[in-house]
Structure formats: C-alpha cells, structure tokens
C-alpha cells in the first residue's frame, strides 16, 4: 500500500529532512520524491510505502503539519489519489 504526501509553502532549510523524519517515525518508507523550488516557493510530492505504518494517515498528516508550520500538507492513500485524478 502506498500514500501520496504533498508539501507546498515558502522554501526553508530542512523541509525534506523533517518530512523524512516524521515518515520514518511512522514506520513508512519513502519510495519516490519529486521537489522543486521556484523563487521562494517549495513544492514536493512524495510517494511512501504505508504497509507497516504505525498510525492513521490523518495522524501522520497532523504530525507533519506540526513540524512544518505554515506549509500546506496533504497525505492521501494512493487509491483516493488515483480515483481523484482519473477524471
């Protein structure tokens, strides 16, 4: 099982490190990362393996939001993500 994590906001040092740390604490594995910085705007999409996750996806999102204050963060199961983007 996989989930998609998106992070958007002002660029700052350590965003990827903070997201990776929270994911590791939740026992998820980062499979793929795509990120870019446009002027001072940071955007990242990450695919994580949630087969062994130790919390709910909502909890993971809340933990990420706590660590990355001011960023817009979404965590979505891949089935929901795929269904939303078929249209």
PDB file of N, CA and C in Angstrom:
ATOM      1  N   UNK A   1       0.836  -1.176   0.000  1.00  0.00           N
ATOM      2  CA  UNK A   1       0.000   0.000   0.000  1.00  0.00           C
ATOM      3  C   UNK A   1       0.881   1.240   0.000  1.00  0.00           C
ATOM      4  N   UNK A   2       0.400   2.244  -0.687  1.00  0.00           N
ATOM      5  CA  UNK A   2       1.168   3.479  -0.809  1.00  0.00           C
ATOM      6  C   UNK A   2       0.280   4.675  -0.494  1.00  0.00           C
ATOM      7  N   UNK A   3       0.950   5.790  -0.200  1.00  0.00           N
ATOM      8  CA  UNK A   3       0.259   7.056   0.009  1.00  0.00           C
ATOM      9  C   UNK A   3       1.059   8.155  -0.679  1.00  0.00           C
ATOM     10  N   UNK A   4       0.375   9.255  -0.973  1.00  0.00           N
ATOM     11  CA  UNK A   4       0.997  10.405  -1.602  1.00  0.00           C
ATOM     12  C   UNK A   4       1.031  11.533  -0.576  1.00  0.00           C
ATOM     13  N   UNK A   5       2.206  12.121  -0.400  1.00  0.00           N
ATOM     14  CA  UNK A   5       2.376  13.256   0.511  1.00  0.00           C
ATOM     15  C   UNK A   5       2.740  14.459  -0.345  1.00  0.00           C
ATOM     16  N   UNK A   6       1.993  15.553  -0.190  1.00  0.00           N
ATOM     17  CA  UNK A   6       2.344  16.784  -0.898  1.00  0.00           C
ATOM     18  C   UNK A   6       2.622  17.875   0.121  1.00  0.00           C
ATOM     19  N   UNK A   7       3.642  18.679  -0.174  1.00  0.00           N
ATOM     20  CA  UNK A   7       4.053  19.762   0.704  1.00  0.00           C
ATOM     21  C   UNK A   7       4.299  20.996  -0.166  1.00  0.00           C
ATOM     22  N   UNK A   8       3.642  22.103   0.194  1.00  0.00           N
ATOM     23  CA  UNK A   8       3.796  23.349  -0.564  1.00  0.00           C
ATOM     24  C   UNK A   8       3.910  24.500   0.428  1.00  0.00           C
ATOM     25  N   UNK A   9       4.838  25.411   0.168  1.00  0.00           N
ATOM     26  CA  UNK A   9       4.979  26.593   1.017  1.00  0.00           C
ATOM     27  C   UNK A   9       6.278  27.316   0.748  1.00  0.00           C
ATOM     28  N   UNK A  10       6.581  28.275   1.607  1.00  0.00           N
ATOM     29  CA  UNK A  10       7.817  29.033   1.465  1.00  0.00           C
ATOM     30  C   UNK A  10       9.017  28.119   1.689  1.00  0.00           C
ATOM     31  N   UNK A  11      10.019  28.283   0.854  1.00  0.00           N
ATOM     32  CA  UNK A  11      11.214  27.451   0.961  1.00  0.00           C
ATOM     33  C   UNK A  11      11.975  27.785   2.239  1.00  0.00           C
ATOM     34  N   UNK A  12      12.513  26.764   2.876  1.00  0.00           N
ATOM     35  CA  UNK A  12      13.350  26.931   4.059  1.00  0.00           C
ATOM     36  C   UNK A  12      14.251  25.704   4.185  1.00  0.00           C
ATOM     37  N   UNK A  13      15.262  25.811   4.961  1.00  0.00           N
ATOM     38  CA  UNK A  13      16.210  24.720   5.161  1.00  0.00           C
ATOM     39  C   UNK A  13      15.541  23.592   5.938  1.00  0.00           C
ATOM     40  N   UNK A  14      15.732  22.355   5.479  1.00  0.00           N
ATOM     41  CA  UNK A  14      15.334  21.191   6.250  1.00  0.00           C
ATOM     42  C   UNK A  14      13.959  20.614   5.984  1.00  0.00           C
ATOM     43  N   UNK A  15      13.260  21.076   4.975  1.00  0.00           N
ATOM     44  CA  UNK A  15      11.906  20.571   4.721  1.00  0.00           C
ATOM     45  C   UNK A  15      11.941  19.069   4.456  1.00  0.00           C
ATOM     46  N   UNK A  16      12.761  18.644   3.511  1.00  0.00           N
ATOM     47  CA  UNK A  16      12.832  17.224   3.167  1.00  0.00           C
ATOM     48  C   UNK A  16      13.265  16.392   4.373  1.00  0.00           C
ATOM     49  N   UNK A  17      14.202  16.897   5.150  1.00  0.00           N
ATOM     50  CA  UNK A  17      14.674  16.179   6.337  1.00  0.00           C
ATOM     51  C   UNK A  17      13.555  16.013   7.362  1.00  0.00           C
ATOM     52  N   UNK A  18      12.778  17.055   7.583  1.00  0.00           N
ATOM     53  CA  UNK A  18      11.679  16.984   8.552  1.00  0.00           C
ATOM     54  C   UNK A  18      10.605  16.005   8.094  1.00  0.00           C
ATOM     55  N   UNK A  19      10.241  16.068   6.816  1.00  0.00           N
ATOM     56  CA  UNK A  19       9.221  15.154   6.294  1.00  0.00           C
ATOM     57  C   UNK A  19       9.716  13.713   6.385  1.00  0.00           C
ATOM     58  N   UNK A  20      10.953  13.475   5.992  1.00  0.00           N
ATOM     59  CA  UNK A  20      11.523  12.119   6.043  1.00  0.00           C
ATOM     60  C   UNK A  20      11.580  11.588   7.472  1.00  0.00           C
ATOM     61  N   UNK A  21      11.919  12.446   8.421  1.00  0.00           N
ATOM     62  CA  UNK A  21      11.985  12.036   9.825  1.00  0.00           C
ATOM     63  C   UNK A  21      10.614  11.627  10.344  1.00  0.00           C
ATOM     64  N   UNK A  22       9.600  12.426  10.065  1.00  0.00           N
ATOM     65  CA  UNK A  22       8.233  12.097  10.511  1.00  0.00           C
ATOM     66  C   UNK A  22       7.775  10.792   9.864  1.00  0.00           C
ATOM     67  N   UNK A  23       8.071  10.614   8.592  1.00  0.00           N
ATOM     68  CA  UNK A  23       7.696   9.371   7.900  1.00  0.00           C
ATOM     69  C   UNK A  23       8.404   8.171   8.527  1.00  0.00           C
ATOM     70  N   UNK A  24       9.663   8.311   8.859  1.00  0.00           N
ATOM     71  CA  UNK A  24      10.410   7.215   9.490  1.00  0.00           C
ATOM     72  C   UNK A  24       9.835   6.893  10.866  1.00  0.00           C
ATOM     73  N   UNK A  25       9.469   7.910  11.634  1.00  0.00           N
ATOM     74  CA  UNK A  25       8.868   7.691  12.952  1.00  0.00           C
ATOM     75  C   UNK A  25       7.541   6.942  12.848  1.00  0.00           C
ATOM     76  N   UNK A  26       6.846   7.122  11.724  1.00  0.00           N
ATOM     77  CA  UNK A  26       5.570   6.439  11.496  1.00  0.00           C
ATOM     78  C   UNK A  26       5.768   5.067  10.843  1.00  0.00           C
ATOM     79  N   UNK A  27       7.034   4.668  10.675  1.00  0.00           N
ATOM     80  CA  UNK A  27       7.384   3.375  10.089  1.00  0.00           C
ATOM     81  C   UNK A  27       6.945   3.256   8.626  1.00  0.00           C
ATOM     82  N   UNK A  28       7.082   4.354   7.897  1.00  0.00           N
ATOM     83  CA  UNK A  28       6.814   4.323   6.459  1.00  0.00           C
ATOM     84  C   UNK A  28       8.139   4.427   5.725  1.00  0.00           C
ATOM     85  N   UNK A  29       8.139   4.002   4.478  1.00  0.00           N
ATOM     86  CA  UNK A  29       9.350   4.039   3.665  1.00  0.00           C
ATOM     87  C   UNK A  29       9.139   4.985   2.495  1.00  0.00           C
ATOM     88  N   UNK A  30      10.057   5.915   2.308  1.00  0.00           N
ATOM     89  CA  UNK A  30       9.975   6.843   1.184  1.00  0.00           C
ATOM     90  C   UNK A  30      10.406   6.097  -0.077  1.00  0.00           C
ATOM     91  N   UNK A  31       9.514   6.063  -1.062  1.00  0.00           N
ATOM     92  CA  UNK A  31       9.785   5.353  -2.309  1.00  0.00           C
ATOM     93  C   UNK A  31      10.281   6.304  -3.394  1.00  0.00           C
ATOM     94  N   UNK A  32       9.633   7.457  -3.482  1.00  0.00           N
ATOM     95  CA  UNK A  32       9.967   8.390  -4.558  1.00  0.00           C
ATOM     96  C   UNK A  32       9.694   9.816  -4.102  1.00  0.00           C
ATOM     97  N   UNK A  33      10.553  10.742  -4.540  1.00  0.00           N
ATOM     98  CA  UNK A  33      10.402  12.149  -4.180  1.00  0.00           C
ATOM     99  C   UNK A  33      10.613  13.001  -5.424  1.00  0.00           C
ATOM    100  N   UNK A  34       9.730  13.971  -5.614  1.00  0.00           N
ATOM    101  CA  UNK A  34       9.916  14.979  -6.643  1.00  0.00           C
ATOM    102  C   UNK A  34       9.721  16.330  -5.970  1.00  0.00           C
ATOM    103  N   UNK A  35      10.709  17.202  -6.108  1.00  0.00           N
ATOM    104  CA  UNK A  35      10.596  18.509  -5.473  1.00  0.00           C
ATOM    105  C   UNK A  35      11.160  19.572  -6.385  1.00  0.00           C
ATOM    106  N   UNK A  36      10.664  20.783  -6.187  1.00  0.00           N
ATOM    107  CA  UNK A  36      11.212  21.907  -6.930  1.00  0.00           C
ATOM    108  C   UNK A  36      11.050  23.171  -6.111  1.00  0.00           C
ATOM    109  N   UNK A  37      11.910  24.125  -6.402  1.00  0.00           N
ATOM    110  CA  UNK A  37      11.856  25.424  -5.766  1.00  0.00           C
ATOM    111  C   UNK A  37      11.750  26.455  -6.876  1.00  0.00           C
ATOM    112  N   UNK A  38      10.706  27.269  -6.819  1.00  0.00           N
ATOM    113  CA  UNK A  38      10.506  28.344  -7.790  1.00  0.00           C
ATOM    114  C   UNK A  38      10.522  29.648  -7.013  1.00  0.00           C
ATOM    115  N   UNK A  39      11.584  30.431  -7.201  1.00  0.00           N
ATOM    116  CA  UNK A  39      11.856  31.627  -6.404  1.00  0.00           C
ATOM    117  C   UNK A  39      11.865  31.218  -4.938  1.00  0.00           C
ATOM    118  N   UNK A  40      10.899  31.604  -4.136  1.00  0.00           N
ATOM    119  CA  UNK A  40      10.912  31.214  -2.723  1.00  0.00           C
ATOM    120  C   UNK A  40       9.798  30.222  -2.389  1.00  0.00           C
ATOM    121  N   UNK A  41       9.194  29.600  -3.411  1.00  0.00           N
ATOM    122  CA  UNK A  41       8.122  28.632  -3.206  1.00  0.00           C
ATOM    123  C   UNK A  41       8.657  27.208  -3.367  1.00  0.00           C
ATOM    124  N   UNK A  42       8.415  26.377  -2.349  1.00  0.00           N
ATOM    125  CA  UNK A  42       8.844  24.986  -2.348  1.00  0.00           C
ATOM    126  C   UNK A  42       7.635  24.107  -2.640  1.00  0.00           C
ATOM    127  N   UNK A  43       7.799  23.121  -3.514  1.00  0.00           N
ATOM    128  CA  UNK A  43       6.736  22.160  -3.815  1.00  0.00           C
ATOM    129  C   UNK A  43       7.346  20.762  -3.879  1.00  0.00           C
ATOM    130  N   UNK A  44       6.691  19.823  -3.188  1.00  0.00           N
ATOM    131  CA  UNK A  44       7.199  18.460  -3.175  1.00  0.00           C
ATOM    132  C   UNK A  44       6.035  17.475  -3.214  1.00  0.00           C
ATOM    133  N   UNK A  45       6.237  16.401  -3.958  1.00  0.00           N
ATOM    134  CA  UNK A  45       5.314  15.268  -3.947  1.00  0.00           C
ATOM    135  C   UNK A  45       6.161  14.048  -3.623  1.00  0.00           C
ATOM    136  N   UNK A  46       5.696  13.272  -2.644  1.00  0.00           N
ATOM    137  CA  UNK A  46       6.435  12.111  -2.174  1.00  0.00           C
ATOM    138  C   UNK A  46       5.499  10.905  -2.168  1.00  0.00           C
ATOM    139  N   UNK A  47       5.987   9.770  -2.617  1.00  0.00           N
ATOM    140  CA  UNK A  47       5.231   8.524  -2.511  1.00  0.00           C
ATOM    141  C   UNK A  47       5.881   7.703  -1.409  1.00  0.00           C
ATOM    142  N   UNK A  48       5.047   7.243  -0.465  1.00  0.00           N
ATOM    143  CA  UNK A  48       5.558   6.462   0.656  1.00  0.00           C
ATOM    144  C   UNK A  48       4.847   5.112   0.722  1.00  0.00           C
ATOM    145  N   UNK A  49       5.577   4.118   1.193  1.00  0.00           N
ATOM    146  CA  UNK A  49       5.018   2.786   1.424  1.00  0.00           C
ATOM    147  C   UNK A  49       4.432   2.788   2.835  1.00  0.00           C
ATOM    148  N   UNK A  50       3.134   2.498   2.942  1.00  0.00           N
ATOM    149  CA  UNK A  50       2.457   2.535   4.244  1.00  0.00           C
ATOM    150  C   UNK A  50       2.046   1.138   4.719  1.00  0.00           C
ATOM    151  N   UNK A  51       2.650   0.105   4.160  1.00  0.00           N
ATOM    152  CA  UNK A  51       2.285  -1.264   4.532  1.00  0.00           C
ATOM    153  C   UNK A  51       2.506  -1.544   6.017  1.00  0.00           C
ATOM    154  N   UNK A  52       3.515  -0.913   6.604  1.00  0.00           N
ATOM    155  CA  UNK A  52       3.843  -1.152   8.018  1.00  0.00           C
ATOM    156  C   UNK A  52       3.621   0.093   8.883  1.00  0.00           C
ATOM    157  N   UNK A  53       2.814   1.025   8.429  1.00  0.00           N
ATOM    158  CA  UNK A  53       2.602   2.279   9.165  1.00  0.00           C
ATOM    159  C   UNK A  53       2.053   1.994  10.564  1.00  0.00           C
ATOM    160  N   UNK A  54       2.469   2.804  11.529  1.00  0.00           N
ATOM    161  CA  UNK A  54       2.054   2.580  12.914  1.00  0.00           C
ATOM    162  C   UNK A  54       1.055   3.620  13.428  1.00  0.00           C
ATOM    163  N   UNK A  55       0.426   4.356  12.494  1.00  0.00           N
ATOM    164  CA  UNK A  55      -0.589   5.340  12.868  1.00  0.00           C
ATOM    165  C   UNK A  55      -1.543   5.526  11.691  1.00  0.00           C
ATOM    166  N   UNK A  56      -2.587   6.279  11.895  1.00  0.00           N
ATOM    167  CA  UNK A  56      -3.520   6.601  10.814  1.00  0.00           C
ATOM    168  C   UNK A  56      -2.896   7.662   9.905  1.00  0.00           C
ATOM    169  N   UNK A  57      -3.338   7.728   8.654  1.00  0.00           N
ATOM    170  CA  UNK A  57      -2.825   8.746   7.735  1.00  0.00           C
ATOM    171  C   UNK A  57      -3.134  10.152   8.243  1.00  0.00           C
ATOM    172  N   UNK A  58      -4.278  10.327   8.885  1.00  0.00           N
ATOM    173  CA  UNK A  58      -4.647  11.631   9.439  1.00  0.00           C
ATOM    174  C   UNK A  58      -3.652  12.058  10.523  1.00  0.00           C
ATOM    175  N   UNK A  59      -3.209  11.087  11.317  1.00  0.00           N
ATOM    176  CA  UNK A  59      -2.224  11.361  12.368  1.00  0.00           C
ATOM    177  C   UNK A  59      -0.888  11.742  11.751  1.00  0.00           C
ATOM    178  N   UNK A  60      -0.490  11.025  10.702  1.00  0.00           N
ATOM    179  CA  UNK A  60       0.752  11.343  10.003  1.00  0.00           C
ATOM    180  C   UNK A  60       0.698  12.771   9.461  1.00  0.00           C
ATOM    181  N   UNK A  61      -0.419  13.139   8.856  1.00  0.00           N
ATOM    182  CA  UNK A  61      -0.564  14.492   8.320  1.00  0.00           C
ATOM    183  C   UNK A  61      -0.481  15.526   9.435  1.00  0.00           C
ATOM    184  N   UNK A  62      -1.125  15.266  10.571  1.00  0.00           N
ATOM    185  CA  UNK A  62      -1.086  16.203  11.701  1.00  0.00           C
ATOM    186  C   UNK A  62       0.343  16.364  12.227  1.00  0.00           C
ATOM    187  N   UNK A  63       1.078  15.269  12.305  1.00  0.00           N
ATOM    188  CA  UNK A  63       2.472  15.329  12.775  1.00  0.00           C
ATOM    189  C   UNK A  63       3.339  16.142  11.818  1.00  0.00           C
ATOM    190  N   UNK A  64       3.111  15.950  10.517  1.00  0.00           N
ATOM    191  CA  UNK A  64       3.849  16.733   9.524  1.00  0.00           C
ATOM    192  C   UNK A  64       3.505  18.209   9.650  1.00  0.00           C
ATOM    193  N   UNK A  65       2.243  18.507   9.842  1.00  0.00           N
ATOM    194  CA  UNK A  65       1.798  19.893   9.962  1.00  0.00           C
ATOM    195  C   UNK A  65       2.421  20.561  11.191  1.00  0.00           C
ATOM    196  N   UNK A  66       2.568  19.796  12.277  1.00  0.00           N
ATOM    197  CA  UNK A  66       3.206  20.330  13.485  1.00  0.00           C
ATOM    198  C   UNK A  66       4.661  20.696  13.240  1.00  0.00           C
ATOM    199  N   UNK A  67       5.358  19.848  12.501  1.00  0.00           N
ATOM    200  CA  UNK A  67       6.792  20.075  12.258  1.00  0.00           C
ATOM    201  C   UNK A  67       7.056  21.134  11.193  1.00  0.00           C
ATOM    202  N   UNK A  68       6.091  21.317  10.296  1.00  0.00           N
ATOM    203  CA  UNK A  68       6.286  22.247   9.176  1.00  0.00           C
ATOM    204  C   UNK A  68       5.208  23.321   9.203  1.00  0.00           C
ATOM    205  N   UNK A  69       5.215  24.090  10.245  1.00  0.00           N
ATOM    206  CA  UNK A  69       4.226  25.140  10.424  1.00  0.00           C
ATOM    207  C   UNK A  69       4.237  26.108   9.241  1.00  0.00           C
ATOM    208  N   UNK A  70       3.063  26.467   8.768  1.00  0.00           N
ATOM    209  CA  UNK A  70       2.954  27.401   7.656  1.00  0.00           C
ATOM    210  C   UNK A  70       2.950  26.748   6.283  1.00  0.00           C
ATOM    211  N   UNK A  71       3.212  25.454   6.216  1.00  0.00           N
ATOM    212  CA  UNK A  71       3.211  24.739   4.939  1.00  0.00           C
ATOM    213  C   UNK A  71       1.833  24.099   4.734  1.00  0.00           C
ATOM    214  N   UNK A  72       1.440  23.914   3.490  1.00  0.00           N
ATOM    215  CA  UNK A  72       0.224  23.177   3.164  1.00  0.00           C
ATOM    216  C   UNK A  72       0.630  21.735   2.897  1.00  0.00           C
ATOM    217  N   UNK A  73       0.083  20.815   3.696  1.00  0.00           N
ATOM    218  CA  UNK A  73       0.484  19.414   3.616  1.00  0.00           C
ATOM    219  C   UNK A  73      -0.754  18.542   3.467  1.00  0.00           C
ATOM    220  N   UNK A  74      -0.689  17.600   2.535  1.00  0.00           N
ATOM    221  CA  UNK A  74      -1.759  16.624   2.343  1.00  0.00           C
ATOM    222  C   UNK A  74      -1.149  15.224   2.291  1.00  0.00           C
ATOM    223  N   UNK A  75      -1.806  14.287   2.971  1.00  0.00           N
ATOM    224  CA  UNK A  75      -1.414  12.883   2.920  1.00  0.00           C
ATOM    225  C   UNK A  75      -2.647  12.115   2.469  1.00  0.00           C
ATOM    226  N   UNK A  76      -2.510  11.381   1.378  1.00  0.00           N
ATOM    227  CA  UNK A  76      -3.658  10.720   0.779  1.00  0.00           C
ATOM    228  C   UNK A  76      -3.294   9.305   0.338  1.00  0.00           C
ATOM    229  N   UNK A  77      -4.151   8.344   0.671  1.00  0.00           N
ATOM    230  CA  UNK A  77      -3.947   6.971   0.210  1.00  0.00           C
ATOM    231  C   UNK A  77      -3.920   6.967  -1.314  1.00  0.00           C
ATOM    232  N   UNK A  78      -3.083   6.146  -1.896  1.00  0.00           N
ATOM    233  CA  UNK A  78      -2.932   6.142  -3.356  1.00  0.00           C
ATOM    234  C   UNK A  78      -4.227   5.830  -4.090  1.00  0.00           C
ATOM    235  N   UNK A  79      -5.110   5.009  -3.511  1.00  0.00           N
ATOM    236  CA  UNK A  79      -6.386   4.693  -4.170  1.00  0.00           C
ATOM    237  C   UNK A  79      -7.249   5.942  -4.323  1.00  0.00           C
ATOM    238  N   UNK A  80      -7.286   6.765  -3.297  1.00  0.00           N
ATOM    239  CA  UNK A  80      -8.060   8.007  -3.363  1.00  0.00           C
ATOM    240  C   UNK A  80      -7.411   8.960  -4.353  1.00  0.00           C
ATOM    241  N   UNK A  81      -6.097   9.077  -4.286  1.00  0.00           N
ATOM    242  CA  UNK A  81      -5.373   9.952  -5.210  1.00  0.00           C
ATOM    243  C   UNK A  81      -5.639   9.549  -6.661  1.00  0.00           C
ATOM    244  N   UNK A  82      -5.533   8.241  -6.950  1.00  0.00           N
ATOM    245  CA  UNK A  82      -5.765   7.762  -8.311  1.00  0.00           C
ATOM    246  C   UNK A  82      -7.211   7.994  -8.748  1.00  0.00           C
ATOM    247  N   UNK A  83      -8.159   7.774  -7.874  1.00  0.00           N
ATOM    248  CA  UNK A  83      -9.564   7.988  -8.213  1.00  0.00           C
ATOM    249  C   UNK A  83      -9.845   9.451  -8.525  1.00  0.00           C
ATOM    250  N   UNK A  84      -9.246  10.346  -7.755  1.00  0.00           N
ATOM    251  CA  UNK A  84      -9.459  11.775  -7.963  1.00  0.00           C
ATOM    252  C   UNK A  84      -8.869  12.268  -9.286  1.00  0.00           C
ATOM    253  N   UNK A  85      -7.822  11.613  -9.757  1.00  0.00           N
ATOM    254  CA  UNK A  85      -7.129  12.091 -10.945  1.00  0.00           C
ATOM    255  C   UNK A  85      -7.460  11.311 -12.220  1.00  0.00           C
ATOM    256  N   UNK A  86      -8.488  10.503 -12.168  1.00  0.00           N
ATOM    257  CA  UNK A  86      -8.916   9.765 -13.372  1.00  0.00           C
ATOM    258  C   UNK A  86      -9.827  10.610 -14.250  1.00  0.00           C
ATOM    259  N   UNK A  87     -10.411  11.618 -13.692  1.00  0.00           N
ATOM    260  CA  UNK A  87     -11.381  12.438 -14.432  1.00  0.00           C
ATOM    261  C   UNK A  87     -10.677  13.337 -15.418  1.00  0.00           C
TER     262      UNK A  87
END
